[in-house]
Amino acid sequence: MIAGLWLGIGLVGQAMFSARFLVQWWASEREGRSVIPHSFWYLSIAGSLSLVAYALYQRDPVFIIGQGAGLAIYMRNIRLIRRQSRAPEARVESAA
């Protein structure tokens, strides 16, 4: 029962992590250029958190380190996006 629950967490995490590429592809097709939408980073975080939890359950240090390092980068990108959206210059540029 517990092992099945953890397997489900791992599969959902992998699905979210994989879905981010579909989201990025779709956004780029709509724009006609390569873009990375904010949802890409949120899916990265959600998927990575689930995968780290699953890796901890499995006690897989390679998986833990790999996903943990990525998680720090994804969270940093969200922080940079939020900082940029609050900057006075960003408000002026968006009004133009």
PDB file of N, CA and C in Angstrom:
ATOM      1  N   MET A   1       0.824  -1.204   0.000  1.00  0.00           N
ATOM      2  CA  MET A   1       0.000   0.000   0.000  1.00  0.00           C
ATOM      3  C   MET A   1       0.868   1.268   0.000  1.00  0.00           C
ATOM      4  N   ILE A   2       1.797   1.362   0.955  1.00  0.00           N
ATOM      5  CA  ILE A   2       2.670   2.531   1.055  1.00  0.00           C
ATOM      6  C   ILE A   2       3.560   2.635  -0.175  1.00  0.00           C
ATOM      7  N   ALA A   3       4.108   1.505  -0.620  1.00  0.00           N
ATOM      8  CA  ALA A   3       4.978   1.518  -1.801  1.00  0.00           C
ATOM      9  C   ALA A   3       4.206   2.007  -3.021  1.00  0.00           C
ATOM     10  N   GLY A   4       2.946   1.619  -3.153  1.00  0.00           N
ATOM     11  CA  GLY A   4       2.109   2.071  -4.269  1.00  0.00           C
ATOM     12  C   GLY A   4       1.853   3.568  -4.211  1.00  0.00           C
ATOM     13  N   LEU A   5       1.667   4.093  -3.008  1.00  0.00           N
ATOM     14  CA  LEU A   5       1.468   5.537  -2.837  1.00  0.00           C
ATOM     15  C   LEU A   5       2.720   6.287  -3.288  1.00  0.00           C
ATOM     16  N   TRP A   6       3.889   5.825  -2.871  1.00  0.00           N
ATOM     17  CA  TRP A   6       5.134   6.478  -3.265  1.00  0.00           C
ATOM     18  C   TRP A   6       5.390   6.365  -4.755  1.00  0.00           C
ATOM     19  N   LEU A   7       5.020   5.226  -5.317  1.00  0.00           N
ATOM     20  CA  LEU A   7       5.153   5.076  -6.771  1.00  0.00           C
ATOM     21  C   LEU A   7       4.266   6.103  -7.475  1.00  0.00           C
ATOM     22  N   GLY A   8       3.056   6.308  -6.964  1.00  0.00           N
ATOM     23  CA  GLY A   8       2.152   7.311  -7.523  1.00  0.00           C
ATOM     24  C   GLY A   8       2.731   8.710  -7.417  1.00  0.00           C
ATOM     25  N   ILE A   9       3.338   9.033  -6.283  1.00  0.00           N
ATOM     26  CA  ILE A   9       3.971  10.343  -6.104  1.00  0.00           C
ATOM     27  C   ILE A   9       5.088  10.520  -7.115  1.00  0.00           C
ATOM     28  N   GLY A  10       5.894   9.488  -7.298  1.00  0.00           N
ATOM     29  CA  GLY A  10       6.983   9.557  -8.272  1.00  0.00           C
ATOM     30  C   GLY A  10       6.472   9.722  -9.689  1.00  0.00           C
ATOM     31  N   LEU A  11       5.421   8.994 -10.041  1.00  0.00           N
ATOM     32  CA  LEU A  11       4.870   9.093 -11.397  1.00  0.00           C
ATOM     33  C   LEU A  11       4.230  10.450 -11.650  1.00  0.00           C
ATOM     34  N   VAL A  12       3.513  10.977 -10.680  1.00  0.00           N
ATOM     35  CA  VAL A  12       2.908  12.308 -10.822  1.00  0.00           C
ATOM     36  C   VAL A  12       4.007  13.362 -10.948  1.00  0.00           C
ATOM     37  N   GLY A  13       5.052  13.237 -10.145  1.00  0.00           N
ATOM     38  CA  GLY A  13       6.174  14.166 -10.234  1.00  0.00           C
ATOM     39  C   GLY A  13       6.825  14.128 -11.604  1.00  0.00           C
ATOM     40  N   GLN A  14       7.024  12.922 -12.131  1.00  0.00           N
ATOM     41  CA  GLN A  14       7.627  12.797 -13.453  1.00  0.00           C
ATOM     42  C   GLN A  14       6.714  13.365 -14.530  1.00  0.00           C
ATOM     43  N   ALA A  15       5.414  13.174 -14.381  1.00  0.00           N
ATOM     44  CA  ALA A  15       4.453  13.719 -15.349  1.00  0.00           C
ATOM     45  C   ALA A  15       4.487  15.250 -15.346  1.00  0.00           C
ATOM     46  N   MET A  16       4.525  15.848 -14.155  1.00  0.00           N
ATOM     47  CA  MET A  16       4.604  17.319 -14.072  1.00  0.00           C
ATOM     48  C   MET A  16       5.917  17.823 -14.645  1.00  0.00           C
ATOM     49  N   PHE A  17       6.988  17.129 -14.319  1.00  0.00           N
ATOM     50  CA  PHE A  17       8.301  17.539 -14.803  1.00  0.00           C
ATOM     51  C   PHE A  17       8.355  17.448 -16.329  1.00  0.00           C
ATOM     52  N   SER A  18       7.770  16.425 -16.902  1.00  0.00           N
ATOM     53  CA  SER A  18       7.749  16.267 -18.354  1.00  0.00           C
ATOM     54  C   SER A  18       6.798  17.260 -19.021  1.00  0.00           C
ATOM     55  N   ALA A  19       5.694  17.574 -18.360  1.00  0.00           N
ATOM     56  CA  ALA A  19       4.690  18.486 -18.919  1.00  0.00           C
ATOM     57  C   ALA A  19       5.252  19.888 -19.136  1.00  0.00           C
ATOM     58  N   ARG A  20       6.262  20.242 -18.376  1.00  0.00           N
ATOM     59  CA  ARG A  20       6.837  21.584 -18.524  1.00  0.00           C
ATOM     60  C   ARG A  20       7.387  21.802 -19.932  1.00  0.00           C
ATOM     61  N   PHE A  21       7.898  20.745 -20.561  1.00  0.00           N
ATOM     62  CA  PHE A  21       8.416  20.881 -21.922  1.00  0.00           C
ATOM     63  C   PHE A  21       7.282  21.081 -22.924  1.00  0.00           C
ATOM     64  N   LEU A  22       6.156  20.426 -22.681  1.00  0.00           N
ATOM     65  CA  LEU A  22       4.995  20.642 -23.548  1.00  0.00           C
ATOM     66  C   LEU A  22       4.483  22.069 -23.409  1.00  0.00           C
ATOM     67  N   VAL A  23       4.460  22.591 -22.191  1.00  0.00           N
ATOM     68  CA  VAL A  23       4.026  23.963 -21.933  1.00  0.00           C
ATOM     69  C   VAL A  23       4.960  24.944 -22.639  1.00  0.00           C
ATOM     70  N   GLN A  24       6.263  24.698 -22.552  1.00  0.00           N
ATOM     71  CA  GLN A  24       7.240  25.584 -23.192  1.00  0.00           C
ATOM     72  C   GLN A  24       7.107  25.526 -24.706  1.00  0.00           C
ATOM     73  N   TRP A  25       6.929  24.349 -25.237  1.00  0.00           N
ATOM     74  CA  TRP A  25       6.768  24.182 -26.690  1.00  0.00           C
ATOM     75  C   TRP A  25       5.513  24.907 -27.173  1.00  0.00           C
ATOM     76  N   TRP A  26       4.415  24.731 -26.461  1.00  0.00           N
ATOM     77  CA  TRP A  26       3.149  25.363 -26.838  1.00  0.00           C
ATOM     78  C   TRP A  26       3.261  26.885 -26.790  1.00  0.00           C
ATOM     79  N   ALA A  27       3.878  27.413 -25.726  1.00  0.00           N
ATOM     80  CA  ALA A  27       4.044  28.869 -25.608  1.00  0.00           C
ATOM     81  C   ALA A  27       4.931  29.405 -26.727  1.00  0.00           C
ATOM     82  N   SER A  28       5.974  28.689 -27.067  1.00  0.00           N
ATOM     83  CA  SER A  28       6.876  29.124 -28.144  1.00  0.00           C
ATOM     84  C   SER A  28       6.167  29.097 -29.492  1.00  0.00           C
ATOM     85  N   GLU A  29       5.356  28.094 -29.728  1.00  0.00           N
ATOM     86  CA  GLU A  29       4.598  28.024 -30.985  1.00  0.00           C
ATOM     87  C   GLU A  29       3.626  29.188 -31.097  1.00  0.00           C
ATOM     88  N   ARG A  30       2.969  29.532 -29.999  1.00  0.00           N
ATOM     89  CA  ARG A  30       2.031  30.669 -29.998  1.00  0.00           C
ATOM     90  C   ARG A  30       2.745  31.974 -30.285  1.00  0.00           C
ATOM     91  N   GLU A  31       3.928  32.154 -29.708  1.00  0.00           N
ATOM     92  CA  GLU A  31       4.690  33.399 -29.860  1.00  0.00           C
ATOM     93  C   GLU A  31       5.489  33.445 -31.162  1.00  0.00           C
ATOM     94  N   GLY A  32       5.751  32.288 -31.749  1.00  0.00           N
ATOM     95  CA  GLY A  32       6.568  32.237 -32.951  1.00  0.00           C
ATOM     96  C   GLY A  32       8.053  32.442 -32.661  1.00  0.00           C
ATOM     97  N   ARG A  33       8.449  32.266 -31.403  1.00  0.00           N
ATOM     98  CA  ARG A  33       9.842  32.386 -30.979  1.00  0.00           C
ATOM     99  C   ARG A  33       9.992  31.579 -29.699  1.00  0.00           C
ATOM    100  N   SER A  34      11.211  31.303 -29.335  1.00  0.00           N
ATOM    101  CA  SER A  34      11.458  30.514 -28.126  1.00  0.00           C
ATOM    102  C   SER A  34      11.201  31.362 -26.882  1.00  0.00           C
ATOM    103  N   VAL A  35      10.275  30.901 -26.054  1.00  0.00           N
ATOM    104  CA  VAL A  35       9.966  31.574 -24.788  1.00  0.00           C
ATOM    105  C   VAL A  35       9.856  30.522 -23.687  1.00  0.00           C
ATOM    106  N   ILE A  36      10.070  30.961 -22.471  1.00  0.00           N
ATOM    107  CA  ILE A  36       9.885  30.092 -21.309  1.00  0.00           C
ATOM    108  C   ILE A  36       8.845  30.761 -20.419  1.00  0.00           C
ATOM    109  N   PRO A  37       7.613  30.251 -20.432  1.00  0.00           N
ATOM    110  CA  PRO A  37       6.564  30.859 -19.614  1.00  0.00           C
ATOM    111  C   PRO A  37       6.790  30.588 -18.122  1.00  0.00           C
ATOM    112  N   HIS A  38       6.202  31.400 -17.278  1.00  0.00           N
ATOM    113  CA  HIS A  38       6.334  31.226 -15.829  1.00  0.00           C
ATOM    114  C   HIS A  38       5.855  29.842 -15.401  1.00  0.00           C
ATOM    115  N   SER A  39       4.836  29.328 -16.051  1.00  0.00           N
ATOM    116  CA  SER A  39       4.310  28.009 -15.678  1.00  0.00           C
ATOM    117  C   SER A  39       5.362  26.918 -15.840  1.00  0.00           C
ATOM    118  N   PHE A  40       6.313  27.096 -16.741  1.00  0.00           N
ATOM    119  CA  PHE A  40       7.413  26.147 -16.905  1.00  0.00           C
ATOM    120  C   PHE A  40       8.159  25.989 -15.580  1.00  0.00           C
ATOM    121  N   TRP A  41       8.445  27.114 -14.930  1.00  0.00           N
ATOM    122  CA  TRP A  41       9.203  27.069 -13.682  1.00  0.00           C
ATOM    123  C   TRP A  41       8.373  26.502 -12.541  1.00  0.00           C
ATOM    124  N   TYR A  42       7.076  26.822 -12.500  1.00  0.00           N
ATOM    125  CA  TYR A  42       6.225  26.268 -11.448  1.00  0.00           C
ATOM    126  C   TYR A  42       6.064  24.757 -11.613  1.00  0.00           C
ATOM    127  N   LEU A  43       5.910  24.281 -12.848  1.00  0.00           N
ATOM    128  CA  LEU A  43       5.861  22.834 -13.081  1.00  0.00           C
ATOM    129  C   LEU A  43       7.195  22.187 -12.722  1.00  0.00           C
ATOM    130  N   SER A  44       8.292  22.870 -13.007  1.00  0.00           N
ATOM    131  CA  SER A  44       9.616  22.366 -12.645  1.00  0.00           C
ATOM    132  C   SER A  44       9.721  22.178 -11.136  1.00  0.00           C
ATOM    133  N   ILE A  45       9.266  23.165 -10.381  1.00  0.00           N
ATOM    134  CA  ILE A  45       9.323  23.091  -8.920  1.00  0.00           C
ATOM    135  C   ILE A  45       8.426  21.984  -8.397  1.00  0.00           C
ATOM    136  N   ALA A  46       7.176  21.943  -8.855  1.00  0.00           N
ATOM    137  CA  ALA A  46       6.237  20.930  -8.371  1.00  0.00           C
ATOM    138  C   ALA A  46       6.722  19.524  -8.716  1.00  0.00           C
ATOM    139  N   GLY A  47       7.150  19.339  -9.949  1.00  0.00           N
ATOM    140  CA  GLY A  47       7.641  18.027 -10.355  1.00  0.00           C
ATOM    141  C   GLY A  47       8.885  17.638  -9.594  1.00  0.00           C
ATOM    142  N   SER A  48       9.798  18.574  -9.432  1.00  0.00           N
ATOM    143  CA  SER A  48      11.043  18.295  -8.739  1.00  0.00           C
ATOM    144  C   SER A  48      10.812  17.979  -7.264  1.00  0.00           C
ATOM    145  N   LEU A  49       9.912  18.713  -6.610  1.00  0.00           N
ATOM    146  CA  LEU A  49       9.587  18.418  -5.214  1.00  0.00           C
ATOM    147  C   LEU A  49       9.050  16.999  -5.056  1.00  0.00           C
ATOM    148  N   SER A  50       8.156  16.614  -5.947  1.00  0.00           N
ATOM    149  CA  SER A  50       7.601  15.258  -5.902  1.00  0.00           C
ATOM    150  C   SER A  50       8.681  14.222  -6.151  1.00  0.00           C
ATOM    151  N   LEU A  51       9.550  14.494  -7.111  1.00  0.00           N
ATOM    152  CA  LEU A  51      10.613  13.545  -7.429  1.00  0.00           C
ATOM    153  C   LEU A  51      11.655  13.454  -6.311  1.00  0.00           C
ATOM    154  N   VAL A  52      11.947  14.575  -5.653  1.00  0.00           N
ATOM    155  CA  VAL A  52      12.866  14.532  -4.510  1.00  0.00           C
ATOM    156  C   VAL A  52      12.241  13.716  -3.384  1.00  0.00           C
ATOM    157  N   ALA A  53      10.955  13.910  -3.121  1.00  0.00           N
ATOM    158  CA  ALA A  53      10.277  13.125  -2.083  1.00  0.00           C
ATOM    159  C   ALA A  53      10.354  11.638  -2.407  1.00  0.00           C
ATOM    160  N   TYR A  54      10.088  11.288  -3.657  1.00  0.00           N
ATOM    161  CA  TYR A  54      10.163   9.894  -4.075  1.00  0.00           C
ATOM    162  C   TYR A  54      11.590   9.363  -3.957  1.00  0.00           C
ATOM    163  N   ALA A  55      12.581  10.171  -4.346  1.00  0.00           N
ATOM    164  CA  ALA A  55      13.982   9.756  -4.268  1.00  0.00           C
ATOM    165  C   ALA A  55      14.415   9.556  -2.813  1.00  0.00           C
ATOM    166  N   LEU A  56      13.921  10.411  -1.917  1.00  0.00           N
ATOM    167  CA  LEU A  56      14.217  10.230  -0.499  1.00  0.00           C
ATOM    168  C   LEU A  56      13.634   8.914   0.000  1.00  0.00           C
ATOM    169  N   TYR A  57      12.413   8.623  -0.407  1.00  0.00           N
ATOM    170  CA  TYR A  57      11.787   7.353  -0.033  1.00  0.00           C
ATOM    171  C   TYR A  57      12.607   6.178  -0.554  1.00  0.00           C
ATOM    172  N   GLN A  58      13.103   6.296  -1.786  1.00  0.00           N
ATOM    173  CA  GLN A  58      13.897   5.231  -2.397  1.00  0.00           C
ATOM    174  C   GLN A  58      15.341   5.211  -1.881  1.00  0.00           C
ATOM    175  N   ARG A  59      15.728   6.279  -1.184  1.00  0.00           N
ATOM    176  CA  ARG A  59      17.101   6.441  -0.688  1.00  0.00           C
ATOM    177  C   ARG A  59      18.112   6.376  -1.838  1.00  0.00           C
ATOM    178  N   ASP A  60      17.810   7.154  -2.872  1.00  0.00           N
ATOM    179  CA  ASP A  60      18.649   7.186  -4.071  1.00  0.00           C
ATOM    180  C   ASP A  60      19.431   8.497  -4.089  1.00  0.00           C
ATOM    181  N   PRO A  61      20.698   8.471  -3.646  1.00  0.00           N
ATOM    182  CA  PRO A  61      21.443   9.726  -3.541  1.00  0.00           C
ATOM    183  C   PRO A  61      21.680  10.420  -4.877  1.00  0.00           C
ATOM    184  N   VAL A  62      21.840   9.673  -5.943  1.00  0.00           N
ATOM    185  CA  VAL A  62      22.060  10.291  -7.256  1.00  0.00           C
ATOM    186  C   VAL A  62      20.827  11.093  -7.664  1.00  0.00           C
ATOM    187  N   PHE A  63      19.671  10.509  -7.514  1.00  0.00           N
ATOM    188  CA  PHE A  63      18.396  11.136  -7.844  1.00  0.00           C
ATOM    189  C   PHE A  63      18.135  12.333  -6.931  1.00  0.00           C
ATOM    190  N   ILE A  64      18.448  12.200  -5.649  1.00  0.00           N
ATOM    191  CA  ILE A  64      18.243  13.287  -4.677  1.00  0.00           C
ATOM    192  C   ILE A  64      19.117  14.492  -5.038  1.00  0.00           C
ATOM    193  N   ILE A  65      20.393  14.243  -5.317  1.00  0.00           N
ATOM    194  CA  ILE A  65      21.307  15.335  -5.654  1.00  0.00           C
ATOM    195  C   ILE A  65      20.894  15.998  -6.964  1.00  0.00           C
ATOM    196  N   GLY A  66      20.572  15.198  -7.967  1.00  0.00           N
ATOM    197  CA  GLY A  66      20.202  15.742  -9.274  1.00  0.00           C
ATOM    198  C   GLY A  66      18.956  16.606  -9.218  1.00  0.00           C
ATOM    199  N   GLN A  67      17.902  16.098  -8.606  1.00  0.00           N
ATOM    200  CA  GLN A  67      16.667  16.865  -8.518  1.00  0.00           C
ATOM    201  C   GLN A  67      16.787  18.014  -7.525  1.00  0.00           C
ATOM    202  N   GLY A  68      17.539  17.810  -6.443  1.00  0.00           N
ATOM    203  CA  GLY A  68      17.719  18.872  -5.452  1.00  0.00           C
ATOM    204  C   GLY A  68      18.451  20.076  -6.021  1.00  0.00           C
ATOM    205  N   ALA A  69      19.474  19.820  -6.816  1.00  0.00           N
ATOM    206  CA  ALA A  69      20.217  20.920  -7.446  1.00  0.00           C
ATOM    207  C   ALA A  69      19.320  21.678  -8.419  1.00  0.00           C
ATOM    208  N   GLY A  70      18.565  20.947  -9.206  1.00  0.00           N
ATOM    209  CA  GLY A  70      17.637  21.590 -10.142  1.00  0.00           C
ATOM    210  C   GLY A  70      16.594  22.414  -9.410  1.00  0.00           C
ATOM    211  N   LEU A  71      16.096  21.893  -8.300  1.00  0.00           N
ATOM    212  CA  LEU A  71      15.076  22.591  -7.517  1.00  0.00           C
ATOM    213  C   LEU A  71      15.566  23.962  -7.071  1.00  0.00           C
ATOM    214  N   ALA A  72      16.815  24.043  -6.642  1.00  0.00           N
ATOM    215  CA  ALA A  72      17.378  25.338  -6.223  1.00  0.00           C
ATOM    216  C   ALA A  72      17.396  26.318  -7.395  1.00  0.00           C
ATOM    217  N   ILE A  73      17.739  25.844  -8.570  1.00  0.00           N
ATOM    218  CA  ILE A  73      17.780  26.706  -9.759  1.00  0.00           C
ATOM    219  C   ILE A  73      16.378  27.171 -10.140  1.00  0.00           C
ATOM    220  N   TYR A  74      15.401  26.267 -10.111  1.00  0.00           N
ATOM    221  CA  TYR A  74      14.027  26.628 -10.480  1.00  0.00           C
ATOM    222  C   TYR A  74      13.476  27.676  -9.522  1.00  0.00           C
ATOM    223  N   MET A  75      13.745  27.511  -8.230  1.00  0.00           N
ATOM    224  CA  MET A  75      13.261  28.475  -7.248  1.00  0.00           C
ATOM    225  C   MET A  75      13.955  29.827  -7.423  1.00  0.00           C
ATOM    226  N   ARG A  76      15.214  29.803  -7.761  1.00  0.00           N
ATOM    227  CA  ARG A  76      15.939  31.057  -8.016  1.00  0.00           C
ATOM    228  C   ARG A  76      15.349  31.783  -9.224  1.00  0.00           C
ATOM    229  N   ASN A  77      15.002  31.055 -10.265  1.00  0.00           N
ATOM    230  CA  ASN A  77      14.405  31.688 -11.439  1.00  0.00           C
ATOM    231  C   ASN A  77      13.070  32.338 -11.104  1.00  0.00           C
ATOM    232  N   ILE A  78      12.262  31.683 -10.295  1.00  0.00           N
ATOM    233  CA  ILE A  78      10.990  32.293  -9.872  1.00  0.00           C
ATOM    234  C   ILE A  78      11.261  33.559  -9.066  1.00  0.00           C
ATOM    235  N   ARG A  79      12.247  33.523  -8.182  1.00  0.00           N
ATOM    236  CA  ARG A  79      12.587  34.709  -7.395  1.00  0.00           C
ATOM    237  C   ARG A  79      13.022  35.853  -8.311  1.00  0.00           C
ATOM    238  N   LEU A  80      13.833  35.565  -9.320  1.00  0.00           N
ATOM    239  CA  LEU A  80      14.271  36.597 -10.269  1.00  0.00           C
ATOM    240  C   LEU A  80      13.098  37.159 -11.060  1.00  0.00           C
ATOM    241  N   ILE A  81      12.187  36.304 -11.478  1.00  0.00           N
ATOM    242  CA  ILE A  81      10.995  36.751 -12.222  1.00  0.00           C
ATOM    243  C   ILE A  81      10.153  37.676 -11.350  1.00  0.00           C
ATOM    244  N   ARG A  82       9.935  37.294 -10.096  1.00  0.00           N
ATOM    245  CA  ARG A  82       9.136  38.131  -9.191  1.00  0.00           C
ATOM    246  C   ARG A  82       9.821  39.465  -8.925  1.00  0.00           C
ATOM    247  N   ARG A  83      11.137  39.432  -8.728  1.00  0.00           N
ATOM    248  CA  ARG A  83      11.877  40.678  -8.493  1.00  0.00           C
ATOM    249  C   ARG A  83      11.771  41.594  -9.706  1.00  0.00           C
ATOM    250  N   GLN A  84      11.900  41.027 -10.886  1.00  0.00           N
ATOM    251  CA  GLN A  84      11.825  41.827 -12.112  1.00  0.00           C
ATOM    252  C   GLN A  84      10.433  42.436 -12.283  1.00  0.00           C
ATOM    253  N   SER A  85       9.400  41.692 -11.956  1.00  0.00           N
ATOM    254  CA  SER A  85       8.039  42.209 -12.134  1.00  0.00           C
ATOM    255  C   SER A  85       7.719  43.314 -11.131  1.00  0.00           C
ATOM    256  N   ARG A  86       8.449  43.365 -10.010  1.00  0.00           N
ATOM    257  CA  ARG A  86       8.239  44.417  -9.015  1.00  0.00           C
ATOM    258  C   ARG A  86       9.117  45.636  -9.244  1.00  0.00           C
ATOM    259  N   ALA A  87      10.100  45.514 -10.119  1.00  0.00           N
ATOM    260  CA  ALA A  87      11.027  46.620 -10.366  1.00  0.00           C
ATOM    261  C   ALA A  87      10.305  47.772 -11.064  1.00  0.00           C
ATOM    262  N   PRO A  88      10.609  49.007 -10.700  1.00  0.00           N
ATOM    263  CA  PRO A  88       9.959  50.161 -11.332  1.00  0.00           C
ATOM    264  C   PRO A  88      10.132  50.178 -12.850  1.00  0.00           C
ATOM    265  N   GLU A  89      11.315  49.770 -13.337  1.00  0.00           N
ATOM    266  CA  GLU A  89      11.546  49.774 -14.783  1.00  0.00           C
ATOM    267  C   GLU A  89      10.604  48.812 -15.503  1.00  0.00           C
ATOM    268  N   ALA A  90      10.300  47.694 -14.853  1.00  0.00           N
ATOM    269  CA  ALA A  90       9.410  46.703 -15.476  1.00  0.00           C
ATOM    270  C   ALA A  90       8.020  47.276 -15.651  1.00  0.00           C
ATOM    271  N   ARG A  91       7.572  48.074 -14.690  1.00  0.00           N
ATOM    272  CA  ARG A  91       6.245  48.685 -14.793  1.00  0.00           C
ATOM    273  C   ARG A  91       6.186  49.709 -15.903  1.00  0.00           C
ATOM    274  N   VAL A  92       7.263  50.497 -16.056  1.00  0.00           N
ATOM    275  CA  VAL A  92       7.321  51.512 -17.099  1.00  0.00           C
ATOM    276  C   VAL A  92       7.352  50.842 -18.474  1.00  0.00           C
ATOM    277  N   GLU A  93       8.173  49.796 -18.633  1.00  0.00           N
ATOM    278  CA  GLU A  93       8.277  49.102 -19.905  1.00  0.00           C
ATOM    279  C   GLU A  93       6.958  48.434 -20.285  1.00  0.00           C
ATOM    280  N   SER A  94       6.258  47.868 -19.307  1.00  0.00           N
ATOM    281  CA  SER A  94       5.007  47.190 -19.622  1.00  0.00           C
ATOM    282  C   SER A  94       3.902  48.187 -19.988  1.00  0.00           C
ATOM    283  N   ALA A  95       4.031  49.429 -19.527  1.00  0.00           N
ATOM    284  CA  ALA A  95       3.031  50.448 -19.849  1.00  0.00           C
ATOM    285  C   ALA A  95       3.230  50.997 -21.255  1.00  0.00           C
ATOM    286  N   ALA A  96       4.439  50.859 -21.794  1.00  0.00           N
ATOM    287  CA  ALA A  96       4.746  51.406 -23.122  1.00  0.00           C
ATOM    288  C   ALA A  96       4.140  50.610 -24.237  1.00  0.00           C
TER     289      ALA A  96
END
